[in-house]
Amino acid sequence: MNNPFSYPGAWWRTWTGLTYKISQASWNPENLGQSTVQILRDPGWLLKWIGSLLVVIGVFMMFYLQPYRKQTEGEPITPSGPKPKKRQRETSSAIPATVQH
């Protein structure tokens, strides 16, 4: 049913987006002589694919690679982060530990 082709068919024109891709978009089952043809020209397809690839690589780097930061003033940067300070537990004599009814 669908055998798309490019015009003009030079390989370098296809990679640069300077071709027209012609394919069958739909057909009428009641009248087999009727068909819809789609003609597509997308000169920016390579740029969109490169941009999408860069986004995927960036997300991978963001979540799966250890961050590299230059040491600055203050606390050293550790992968686990700073440890929280221990707080003293306060006890109040106004609130009973157990309540009996």
PDB file of N, CA and C in Angstrom:
ATOM      1  N   MET A   1       0.835  -1.191   0.000  1.00  0.00           N
ATOM      2  CA  MET A   1       0.000   0.000   0.000  1.00  0.00           C
ATOM      3  C   MET A   1       0.876   1.250   0.000  1.00  0.00           C
ATOM      4  N   ASN A   2       1.899   1.304   0.834  1.00  0.00           N
ATOM      5  CA  ASN A   2       2.645   2.537   0.983  1.00  0.00           C
ATOM      6  C   ASN A   2       4.112   2.276   0.693  1.00  0.00           C
ATOM      7  N   ASN A   3       4.630   2.870  -0.332  1.00  0.00           N
ATOM      8  CA  ASN A   3       6.038   2.752  -0.683  1.00  0.00           C
ATOM      9  C   ASN A   3       6.579   4.163  -0.893  1.00  0.00           C
ATOM     10  N   PRO A   4       6.978   4.858   0.194  1.00  0.00           N
ATOM     11  CA  PRO A   4       7.409   6.253   0.050  1.00  0.00           C
ATOM     12  C   PRO A   4       8.716   6.365  -0.722  1.00  0.00           C
ATOM     13  N   PHE A   5       8.869   7.470  -1.436  1.00  0.00           N
ATOM     14  CA  PHE A   5      10.127   7.741  -2.121  1.00  0.00           C
ATOM     15  C   PHE A   5      10.429   9.228  -2.027  1.00  0.00           C
ATOM     16  N   SER A   6      11.676   9.564  -2.278  1.00  0.00           N
ATOM     17  CA  SER A   6      12.119  10.952  -2.192  1.00  0.00           C
ATOM     18  C   SER A   6      12.479  11.463  -3.578  1.00  0.00           C
ATOM     19  N   TYR A   7      12.183  12.722  -3.820  1.00  0.00           N
ATOM     20  CA  TYR A   7      12.532  13.353  -5.091  1.00  0.00           C
ATOM     21  C   TYR A   7      13.193  14.690  -4.804  1.00  0.00           C
ATOM     22  N   PRO A   8      14.259  15.065  -5.353  1.00  0.00           N
ATOM     23  CA  PRO A   8      15.241  14.231  -6.052  1.00  0.00           C
ATOM     24  C   PRO A   8      15.904  13.287  -5.064  1.00  0.00           C
ATOM     25  N   GLY A   9      16.356  12.156  -5.559  1.00  0.00           N
ATOM     26  CA  GLY A   9      16.771  11.050  -4.705  1.00  0.00           C
ATOM     27  C   GLY A   9      18.231  10.994  -4.319  1.00  0.00           C
ATOM     28  N   ALA A  10      19.002  12.058  -4.498  1.00  0.00           N
ATOM     29  CA  ALA A  10      20.415  12.022  -4.100  1.00  0.00           C
ATOM     30  C   ALA A  10      20.508  11.875  -2.584  1.00  0.00           C
ATOM     31  N   TRP A  11      21.455  11.044  -2.113  1.00  0.00           N
ATOM     32  CA  TRP A  11      21.550  10.764  -0.680  1.00  0.00           C
ATOM     33  C   TRP A  11      21.887  12.003   0.125  1.00  0.00           C
ATOM     34  N   TRP A  12      22.706  12.898  -0.400  1.00  0.00           N
ATOM     35  CA  TRP A  12      23.085  14.085   0.369  1.00  0.00           C
ATOM     36  C   TRP A  12      21.919  15.060   0.473  1.00  0.00           C
ATOM     37  N   ARG A  13      21.023  15.062  -0.520  1.00  0.00           N
ATOM     38  CA  ARG A  13      19.826  15.915  -0.431  1.00  0.00           C
ATOM     39  C   ARG A  13      18.859  15.393   0.635  1.00  0.00           C
ATOM     40  N   THR A  14      18.789  14.072   0.794  1.00  0.00           N
ATOM     41  CA  THR A  14      17.912  13.494   1.811  1.00  0.00           C
ATOM     42  C   THR A  14      18.390  13.860   3.211  1.00  0.00           C
ATOM     43  N   TRP A  15      19.700  13.784   3.446  1.00  0.00           N
ATOM     44  CA  TRP A  15      20.250  14.098   4.767  1.00  0.00           C
ATOM     45  C   TRP A  15      20.173  15.584   5.088  1.00  0.00           C
ATOM     46  N   THR A  16      20.188  16.449   4.100  1.00  0.00           N
ATOM     47  CA  THR A  16      20.099  17.888   4.358  1.00  0.00           C
ATOM     48  C   THR A  16      18.663  18.384   4.371  1.00  0.00           C
ATOM     49  N   GLY A  17      17.714  17.543   3.992  1.00  0.00           N
ATOM     50  CA  GLY A  17      16.307  17.938   4.019  1.00  0.00           C
ATOM     51  C   GLY A  17      15.873  18.692   2.784  1.00  0.00           C
ATOM     52  N   LEU A  18      16.588  18.578   1.706  1.00  0.00           N
ATOM     53  CA  LEU A  18      16.257  19.310   0.485  1.00  0.00           C
ATOM     54  C   LEU A  18      15.446  18.478  -0.500  1.00  0.00           C
ATOM     55  N   THR A  19      14.784  17.423  -0.016  1.00  0.00           N
ATOM     56  CA  THR A  19      13.988  16.577  -0.898  1.00  0.00           C
ATOM     57  C   THR A  19      12.522  16.660  -0.513  1.00  0.00           C
ATOM     58  N   TYR A  20      11.691  16.154  -1.417  1.00  0.00           N
ATOM     59  CA  TYR A  20      10.269  15.997  -1.151  1.00  0.00           C
ATOM     60  C   TYR A  20      10.007  14.513  -0.959  1.00  0.00           C
ATOM     61  N   LYS A  21       9.413  14.129   0.161  1.00  0.00           N
ATOM     62  CA  LYS A  21       9.066  12.739   0.418  1.00  0.00           C
ATOM     63  C   LYS A  21       7.599  12.552   0.045  1.00  0.00           C
ATOM     64  N   ILE A  22       7.345  11.636  -0.870  1.00  0.00           N
ATOM     65  CA  ILE A  22       5.997  11.422  -1.391  1.00  0.00           C
ATOM     66  C   ILE A  22       5.541  10.034  -0.952  1.00  0.00           C
ATOM     67  N   SER A  23       4.349   9.972  -0.338  1.00  0.00           N
ATOM     68  CA  SER A  23       3.815   8.699   0.140  1.00  0.00           C
ATOM     69  C   SER A  23       2.298   8.721   0.093  1.00  0.00           C
ATOM     70  N   GLN A  24       1.705   7.537   0.188  1.00  0.00           N
ATOM     71  CA  GLN A  24       0.253   7.408   0.209  1.00  0.00           C
ATOM     72  C   GLN A  24      -0.229   7.614   1.638  1.00  0.00           C
ATOM     73  N   ALA A  25      -1.136   8.564   1.852  1.00  0.00           N
ATOM     74  CA  ALA A  25      -1.632   8.872   3.193  1.00  0.00           C
ATOM     75  C   ALA A  25      -2.858   8.042   3.550  1.00  0.00           C
ATOM     76  N   SER A  26      -3.779   7.836   2.619  1.00  0.00           N
ATOM     77  CA  SER A  26      -4.980   7.036   2.884  1.00  0.00           C
ATOM     78  C   SER A  26      -5.566   6.561   1.558  1.00  0.00           C
ATOM     79  N   TRP A  27      -6.581   5.690   1.653  1.00  0.00           N
ATOM     80  CA  TRP A  27      -7.253   5.188   0.469  1.00  0.00           C
ATOM     81  C   TRP A  27      -8.704   4.920   0.794  1.00  0.00           C
ATOM     82  N   ASN A  28      -9.536   4.835  -0.232  1.00  0.00           N
ATOM     83  CA  ASN A  28     -10.961   4.601  -0.072  1.00  0.00           C
ATOM     84  C   ASN A  28     -11.244   3.138  -0.391  1.00  0.00           C
ATOM     85  N   PRO A  29     -11.667   2.320   0.599  1.00  0.00           N
ATOM     86  CA  PRO A  29     -11.905   0.899   0.311  1.00  0.00           C
ATOM     87  C   PRO A  29     -13.090   0.662  -0.626  1.00  0.00           C
ATOM     88  N   GLU A  30     -14.026   1.617  -0.723  1.00  0.00           N
ATOM     89  CA  GLU A  30     -15.174   1.457  -1.625  1.00  0.00           C
ATOM     90  C   GLU A  30     -14.789   1.746  -3.073  1.00  0.00           C
ATOM     91  N   ASN A  31     -13.831   2.630  -3.274  1.00  0.00           N
ATOM     92  CA  ASN A  31     -13.379   2.969  -4.620  1.00  0.00           C
ATOM     93  C   ASN A  31     -11.854   2.863  -4.614  1.00  0.00           C
ATOM     94  N   LEU A  32     -11.323   1.738  -5.103  1.00  0.00           N
ATOM     95  CA  LEU A  32      -9.890   1.495  -5.036  1.00  0.00           C
ATOM     96  C   LEU A  32      -9.091   2.408  -5.955  1.00  0.00           C
ATOM     97  N   GLY A  33      -9.749   3.126  -6.821  1.00  0.00           N
ATOM     98  CA  GLY A  33      -9.058   4.073  -7.687  1.00  0.00           C
ATOM     99  C   GLY A  33      -8.834   5.420  -7.019  1.00  0.00           C
ATOM    100  N   GLN A  34      -9.396   5.612  -5.833  1.00  0.00           N
ATOM    101  CA  GLN A  34      -9.267   6.872  -5.111  1.00  0.00           C
ATOM    102  C   GLN A  34      -8.228   6.726  -3.998  1.00  0.00           C
ATOM    103  N   SER A  35      -7.281   7.641  -3.954  1.00  0.00           N
ATOM    104  CA  SER A  35      -6.214   7.590  -2.967  1.00  0.00           C
ATOM    105  C   SER A  35      -5.808   9.009  -2.599  1.00  0.00           C
ATOM    106  N   THR A  36      -5.248   9.168  -1.410  1.00  0.00           N
ATOM    107  CA  THR A  36      -4.742  10.460  -0.962  1.00  0.00           C
ATOM    108  C   THR A  36      -3.224  10.374  -0.882  1.00  0.00           C
ATOM    109  N   VAL A  37      -2.559  11.342  -1.499  1.00  0.00           N
ATOM    110  CA  VAL A  37      -1.105  11.364  -1.540  1.00  0.00           C
ATOM    111  C   VAL A  37      -0.609  12.470  -0.621  1.00  0.00           C
ATOM    112  N   GLN A  38       0.460  12.183   0.123  1.00  0.00           N
ATOM    113  CA  GLN A  38       1.055  13.159   1.027  1.00  0.00           C
ATOM    114  C   GLN A  38       2.430  13.535   0.492  1.00  0.00           C
ATOM    115  N   ILE A  39       2.693  14.837   0.425  1.00  0.00           N
ATOM    116  CA  ILE A  39       3.994  15.338   0.005  1.00  0.00           C
ATOM    117  C   ILE A  39       4.577  16.122   1.167  1.00  0.00           C
ATOM    118  N   LEU A  40       5.771  15.705   1.613  1.00  0.00           N
ATOM    119  CA  LEU A  40       6.370  16.281   2.810  1.00  0.00           C
ATOM    120  C   LEU A  40       7.743  16.852   2.482  1.00  0.00           C
ATOM    121  N   ARG A  41       7.979  18.060   2.923  1.00  0.00           N
ATOM    122  CA  ARG A  41       9.310  18.668   2.837  1.00  0.00           C
ATOM    123  C   ARG A  41       9.628  19.227   4.214  1.00  0.00           C
ATOM    124  N   ASP A  42      10.676  18.713   4.834  1.00  0.00           N
ATOM    125  CA  ASP A  42      11.053  19.118   6.188  1.00  0.00           C
ATOM    126  C   ASP A  42      12.544  19.427   6.219  1.00  0.00           C
ATOM    127  N   PRO A  43      12.919  20.679   5.924  1.00  0.00           N
ATOM    128  CA  PRO A  43      14.344  20.995   5.881  1.00  0.00           C
ATOM    129  C   PRO A  43      15.022  21.014   7.251  1.00  0.00           C
ATOM    130  N   GLY A  44      14.296  21.053   8.350  1.00  0.00           N
ATOM    131  CA  GLY A  44      14.908  21.129   9.668  1.00  0.00           C
ATOM    132  C   GLY A  44      14.880  19.837  10.442  1.00  0.00           C
ATOM    133  N   TRP A  45      14.656  18.701   9.775  1.00  0.00           N
ATOM    134  CA  TRP A  45      14.513  17.442  10.516  1.00  0.00           C
ATOM    135  C   TRP A  45      15.804  17.032  11.202  1.00  0.00           C
ATOM    136  N   LEU A  46      16.934  17.256  10.585  1.00  0.00           N
ATOM    137  CA  LEU A  46      18.208  16.853  11.186  1.00  0.00           C
ATOM    138  C   LEU A  46      18.500  17.676  12.440  1.00  0.00           C
ATOM    139  N   LEU A  47      18.195  18.967  12.394  1.00  0.00           N
ATOM    140  CA  LEU A  47      18.396  19.829  13.559  1.00  0.00           C
ATOM    141  C   LEU A  47      17.498  19.398  14.722  1.00  0.00           C
ATOM    142  N   LYS A  48      16.268  18.997  14.437  1.00  0.00           N
ATOM    143  CA  LYS A  48      15.355  18.539  15.492  1.00  0.00           C
ATOM    144  C   LYS A  48      15.838  17.229  16.118  1.00  0.00           C
ATOM    145  N   TRP A  49      16.358  16.321  15.307  1.00  0.00           N
ATOM    146  CA  TRP A  49      16.868  15.060  15.834  1.00  0.00           C
ATOM    147  C   TRP A  49      18.114  15.282  16.676  1.00  0.00           C
ATOM    148  N   ILE A  50      18.984  16.169  16.251  1.00  0.00           N
ATOM    149  CA  ILE A  50      20.190  16.470  17.040  1.00  0.00           C
ATOM    150  C   ILE A  50      19.802  17.109  18.372  1.00  0.00           C
ATOM    151  N   GLY A  51      18.842  18.018  18.361  1.00  0.00           N
ATOM    152  CA  GLY A  51      18.375  18.644  19.599  1.00  0.00           C
ATOM    153  C   GLY A  51      17.748  17.638  20.553  1.00  0.00           C
ATOM    154  N   SER A  52      16.950  16.710  20.023  1.00  0.00           N
ATOM    155  CA  SER A  52      16.345  15.681  20.867  1.00  0.00           C
ATOM    156  C   SER A  52      17.405  14.774  21.470  1.00  0.00           C
ATOM    157  N   LEU A  53      18.418  14.436  20.685  1.00  0.00           N
ATOM    158  CA  LEU A  53      19.509  13.609  21.185  1.00  0.00           C
ATOM    159  C   LEU A  53      20.273  14.323  22.304  1.00  0.00           C
ATOM    160  N   LEU A  54      20.493  15.620  22.159  1.00  0.00           N
ATOM    161  CA  LEU A  54      21.171  16.388  23.209  1.00  0.00           C
ATOM    162  C   LEU A  54      20.354  16.432  24.495  1.00  0.00           C
ATOM    163  N   VAL A  55      19.027  16.521  24.378  1.00  0.00           N
ATOM    164  CA  VAL A  55      18.169  16.509  25.570  1.00  0.00           C
ATOM    165  C   VAL A  55      18.272  15.164  26.280  1.00  0.00           C
ATOM    166  N   VAL A  56      18.242  14.071  25.524  1.00  0.00           N
ATOM    167  CA  VAL A  56      18.336  12.743  26.132  1.00  0.00           C
ATOM    168  C   VAL A  56      19.690  12.563  26.820  1.00  0.00           C
ATOM    169  N   ILE A  57      20.762  13.000  26.177  1.00  0.00           N
ATOM    170  CA  ILE A  57      22.095  12.895  26.785  1.00  0.00           C
ATOM    171  C   ILE A  57      22.169  13.753  28.052  1.00  0.00           C
ATOM    172  N   GLY A  58      21.577  14.940  28.026  1.00  0.00           N
ATOM    173  CA  GLY A  58      21.583  15.814  29.197  1.00  0.00           C
ATOM    174  C   GLY A  58      20.819  15.227  30.368  1.00  0.00           C
ATOM    175  N   VAL A  59      19.675  14.608  30.100  1.00  0.00           N
ATOM    176  CA  VAL A  59      18.912  13.976  31.180  1.00  0.00           C
ATOM    177  C   VAL A  59      19.698  12.804  31.759  1.00  0.00           C
ATOM    178  N   PHE A  60      20.339  12.017  30.901  1.00  0.00           N
ATOM    179  CA  PHE A  60      21.173  10.916  31.379  1.00  0.00           C
ATOM    180  C   PHE A  60      22.294  11.440  32.270  1.00  0.00           C
ATOM    181  N   MET A  61      22.972  12.484  31.837  1.00  0.00           N
ATOM    182  CA  MET A  61      24.064  13.043  32.626  1.00  0.00           C
ATOM    183  C   MET A  61      23.568  13.616  33.945  1.00  0.00           C
ATOM    184  N   MET A  62      22.395  14.218  33.930  1.00  0.00           N
ATOM    185  CA  MET A  62      21.857  14.847  35.124  1.00  0.00           C
ATOM    186  C   MET A  62      21.520  13.820  36.210  1.00  0.00           C
ATOM    187  N   PHE A  63      20.996  12.666  35.812  1.00  0.00           N
ATOM    188  CA  PHE A  63      20.542  11.698  36.805  1.00  0.00           C
ATOM    189  C   PHE A  63      21.534  10.580  37.095  1.00  0.00           C
ATOM    190  N   TYR A  64      22.410  10.238  36.163  1.00  0.00           N
ATOM    191  CA  TYR A  64      23.222   9.054  36.338  1.00  0.00           C
ATOM    192  C   TYR A  64      24.716   9.306  36.485  1.00  0.00           C
ATOM    193  N   LEU A  65      25.186  10.492  36.299  1.00  0.00           N
ATOM    194  CA  LEU A  65      26.599  10.778  36.461  1.00  0.00           C
ATOM    195  C   LEU A  65      26.825  11.617  37.709  1.00  0.00           C
ATOM    196  N   GLN A  66      27.953  11.382  38.371  1.00  0.00           N
ATOM    197  CA  GLN A  66      28.276  12.161  39.564  1.00  0.00           C
ATOM    198  C   GLN A  66      28.613  13.595  39.155  1.00  0.00           C
ATOM    199  N   PRO A  67      28.143  14.555  39.923  1.00  0.00           N
ATOM    200  CA  PRO A  67      28.439  15.948  39.568  1.00  0.00           C
ATOM    201  C   PRO A  67      29.898  16.294  39.824  1.00  0.00           C
ATOM    202  N   TYR A  68      30.448  17.102  38.980  1.00  0.00           N
ATOM    203  CA  TYR A  68      31.814  17.593  39.146  1.00  0.00           C
ATOM    204  C   TYR A  68      31.721  19.077  39.424  1.00  0.00           C
ATOM    205  N   ARG A  69      32.139  19.479  40.599  1.00  0.00           N
ATOM    206  CA  ARG A  69      32.082  20.896  40.963  1.00  0.00           C
ATOM    207  C   ARG A  69      33.451  21.335  41.443  1.00  0.00           C
ATOM    208  N   LYS A  70      33.797  22.543  41.142  1.00  0.00           N
ATOM    209  CA  LYS A  70      35.060  23.096  41.609  1.00  0.00           C
ATOM    210  C   LYS A  70      34.903  23.473  43.083  1.00  0.00           C
ATOM    211  N   GLN A  71      35.888  23.146  43.880  1.00  0.00           N
ATOM    212  CA  GLN A  71      35.817  23.436  45.311  1.00  0.00           C
ATOM    213  C   GLN A  71      35.891  24.944  45.538  1.00  0.00           C
ATOM    214  N   THR A  72      34.980  25.462  46.346  1.00  0.00           N
ATOM    215  CA  THR A  72      34.948  26.880  46.688  1.00  0.00           C
ATOM    216  C   THR A  72      35.068  27.011  48.199  1.00  0.00           C
ATOM    217  N   GLU A  73      34.874  28.198  48.694  1.00  0.00           N
ATOM    218  CA  GLU A  73      34.958  28.431  50.129  1.00  0.00           C
ATOM    219  C   GLU A  73      33.847  27.688  50.850  1.00  0.00           C
ATOM    220  N   GLY A  74      34.092  27.377  52.117  1.00  0.00           N
ATOM    221  CA  GLY A  74      33.045  26.793  52.947  1.00  0.00           C
ATOM    222  C   GLY A  74      33.198  25.295  53.097  1.00  0.00           C
ATOM    223  N   GLU A  75      32.071  24.646  53.329  1.00  0.00           N
ATOM    224  CA  GLU A  75      32.044  23.203  53.565  1.00  0.00           C
ATOM    225  C   GLU A  75      32.450  22.450  52.306  1.00  0.00           C
ATOM    226  N   PRO A  76      33.148  21.330  52.476  1.00  0.00           N
ATOM    227  CA  PRO A  76      33.483  20.518  51.296  1.00  0.00           C
ATOM    228  C   PRO A  76      32.231  19.870  50.717  1.00  0.00           C
ATOM    229  N   ILE A  77      32.227  19.688  49.427  1.00  0.00           N
ATOM    230  CA  ILE A  77      31.092  19.074  48.749  1.00  0.00           C
ATOM    231  C   ILE A  77      31.278  17.568  48.779  1.00  0.00           C
ATOM    232  N   THR A  78      30.286  16.879  49.331  1.00  0.00           N
ATOM    233  CA  THR A  78      30.336  15.425  49.388  1.00  0.00           C
ATOM    234  C   THR A  78      29.127  14.867  48.651  1.00  0.00           C
ATOM    235  N   PRO A  79      29.239  13.648  48.094  1.00  0.00           N
ATOM    236  CA  PRO A  79      28.099  13.073  47.377  1.00  0.00           C
ATOM    237  C   PRO A  79      26.882  12.859  48.257  1.00  0.00           C
ATOM    238  N   SER A  80      27.073  12.566  49.555  1.00  0.00           N
ATOM    239  CA  SER A  80      25.934  12.304  50.425  1.00  0.00           C
ATOM    240  C   SER A  80      25.353  13.580  51.021  1.00  0.00           C
ATOM    241  N   GLY A  81      26.037  14.683  50.906  1.00  0.00           N
ATOM    242  CA  GLY A  81      25.534  15.938  51.450  1.00  0.00           C
ATOM    243  C   GLY A  81      25.930  16.100  52.903  1.00  0.00           C
ATOM    244  N   PRO A  82      25.668  17.275  53.469  1.00  0.00           N
ATOM    245  CA  PRO A  82      26.034  17.497  54.874  1.00  0.00           C
ATOM    246  C   PRO A  82      25.141  16.690  55.808  1.00  0.00           C
ATOM    247  N   LYS A  83      25.714  16.268  56.934  1.00  0.00           N
ATOM    248  CA  LYS A  83      24.948  15.506  57.910  1.00  0.00           C
ATOM    249  C   LYS A  83      24.174  16.464  58.798  1.00  0.00           C
ATOM    250  N   PRO A  84      22.910  16.140  59.106  1.00  0.00           N
ATOM    251  CA  PRO A  84      22.114  17.031  59.968  1.00  0.00           C
ATOM    252  C   PRO A  84      22.658  17.024  61.389  1.00  0.00           C
ATOM    253  N   LYS A  85      22.516  18.162  62.048  1.00  0.00           N
ATOM    254  CA  LYS A  85      22.957  18.291  63.435  1.00  0.00           C
ATOM    255  C   LYS A  85      21.964  17.571  64.346  1.00  0.00           C
ATOM    256  N   LYS A  86      22.495  16.987  65.427  1.00  0.00           N
ATOM    257  CA  LYS A  86      21.636  16.299  66.379  1.00  0.00           C
ATOM    258  C   LYS A  86      20.951  17.335  67.265  1.00  0.00           C
ATOM    259  N   ARG A  87      19.650  17.158  67.447  1.00  0.00           N
ATOM    260  CA  ARG A  87      18.913  18.060  68.329  1.00  0.00           C
ATOM    261  C   ARG A  87      18.630  17.345  69.640  1.00  0.00           C
ATOM    262  N   GLN A  88      18.701  18.122  70.711  1.00  0.00           N
ATOM    263  CA  GLN A  88      18.408  17.543  72.025  1.00  0.00           C
ATOM    264  C   GLN A  88      16.908  17.386  72.159  1.00  0.00           C
ATOM    265  N   ARG A  89      16.523  16.300  72.761  1.00  0.00           N
ATOM    266  CA  ARG A  89      15.112  16.009  72.931  1.00  0.00           C
ATOM    267  C   ARG A  89      14.598  16.724  74.180  1.00  0.00           C
ATOM    268  N   GLU A  90      13.530  17.459  73.996  1.00  0.00           N
ATOM    269  CA  GLU A  90      12.964  18.191  75.128  1.00  0.00           C
ATOM    270  C   GLU A  90      11.823  17.379  75.747  1.00  0.00           C
ATOM    271  N   THR A  91      11.782  17.329  77.075  1.00  0.00           N
ATOM    272  CA  THR A  91      10.685  16.654  77.766  1.00  0.00           C
ATOM    273  C   THR A  91       9.928  17.684  78.578  1.00  0.00           C
ATOM    274  N   SER A  92       8.662  17.559  78.579  1.00  0.00           N
ATOM    275  CA  SER A  92       7.825  18.500  79.319  1.00  0.00           C
ATOM    276  C   SER A  92       7.044  17.721  80.373  1.00  0.00           C
ATOM    277  N   SER A  93       6.994  18.263  81.599  1.00  0.00           N
ATOM    278  CA  SER A  93       6.269  17.588  82.680  1.00  0.00           C
ATOM    279  C   SER A  93       4.774  17.877  82.600  1.00  0.00           C
ATOM    280  N   ALA A  94       4.353  18.839  81.772  1.00  0.00           N
ATOM    281  CA  ALA A  94       2.941  19.180  81.685  1.00  0.00           C
ATOM    282  C   ALA A  94       2.166  18.129  80.890  1.00  0.00           C
ATOM    283  N   ILE A  95       2.811  17.407  80.005  1.00  0.00           N
ATOM    284  CA  ILE A  95       2.127  16.393  79.189  1.00  0.00           C
ATOM    285  C   ILE A  95       2.474  15.026  79.752  1.00  0.00           C
ATOM    286  N   PRO A  96       1.491  14.306  80.265  1.00  0.00           N
ATOM    287  CA  PRO A  96       1.787  12.985  80.846  1.00  0.00           C
ATOM    288  C   PRO A  96       2.146  11.995  79.741  1.00  0.00           C
ATOM    289  N   ALA A  97       2.974  11.027  80.090  1.00  0.00           N
ATOM    290  CA  ALA A  97       3.412  10.027  79.122  1.00  0.00           C
ATOM    291  C   ALA A  97       2.267   9.100  78.736  1.00  0.00           C
ATOM    292  N   THR A  98       1.442   8.714  79.679  1.00  0.00           N
ATOM    293  CA  THR A  98       0.293   7.845  79.385  1.00  0.00           C
ATOM    294  C   THR A  98      -0.950   8.448  80.009  1.00  0.00           C
ATOM    295  N   VAL A  99      -2.046   8.248  79.370  1.00  0.00           N
ATOM    296  CA  VAL A  99      -3.310   8.780  79.879  1.00  0.00           C
ATOM    297  C   VAL A  99      -4.209   7.578  80.171  1.00  0.00           C
ATOM    298  N   GLN A 100      -4.758   7.542  81.406  1.00  0.00           N
ATOM    299  CA  GLN A 100      -5.656   6.427  81.785  1.00  0.00           C
ATOM    300  C   GLN A 100      -7.054   7.003  81.977  1.00  0.00           C
ATOM    301  N   HIS A 101      -8.016   6.221  81.549  1.00  0.00           N
ATOM    302  CA  HIS A 101      -9.426   6.630  81.679  1.00  0.00           C
ATOM    303  C   HIS A 101     -10.129   5.789  82.689  1.00  0.00           C
TER     304      HIS A 101
END
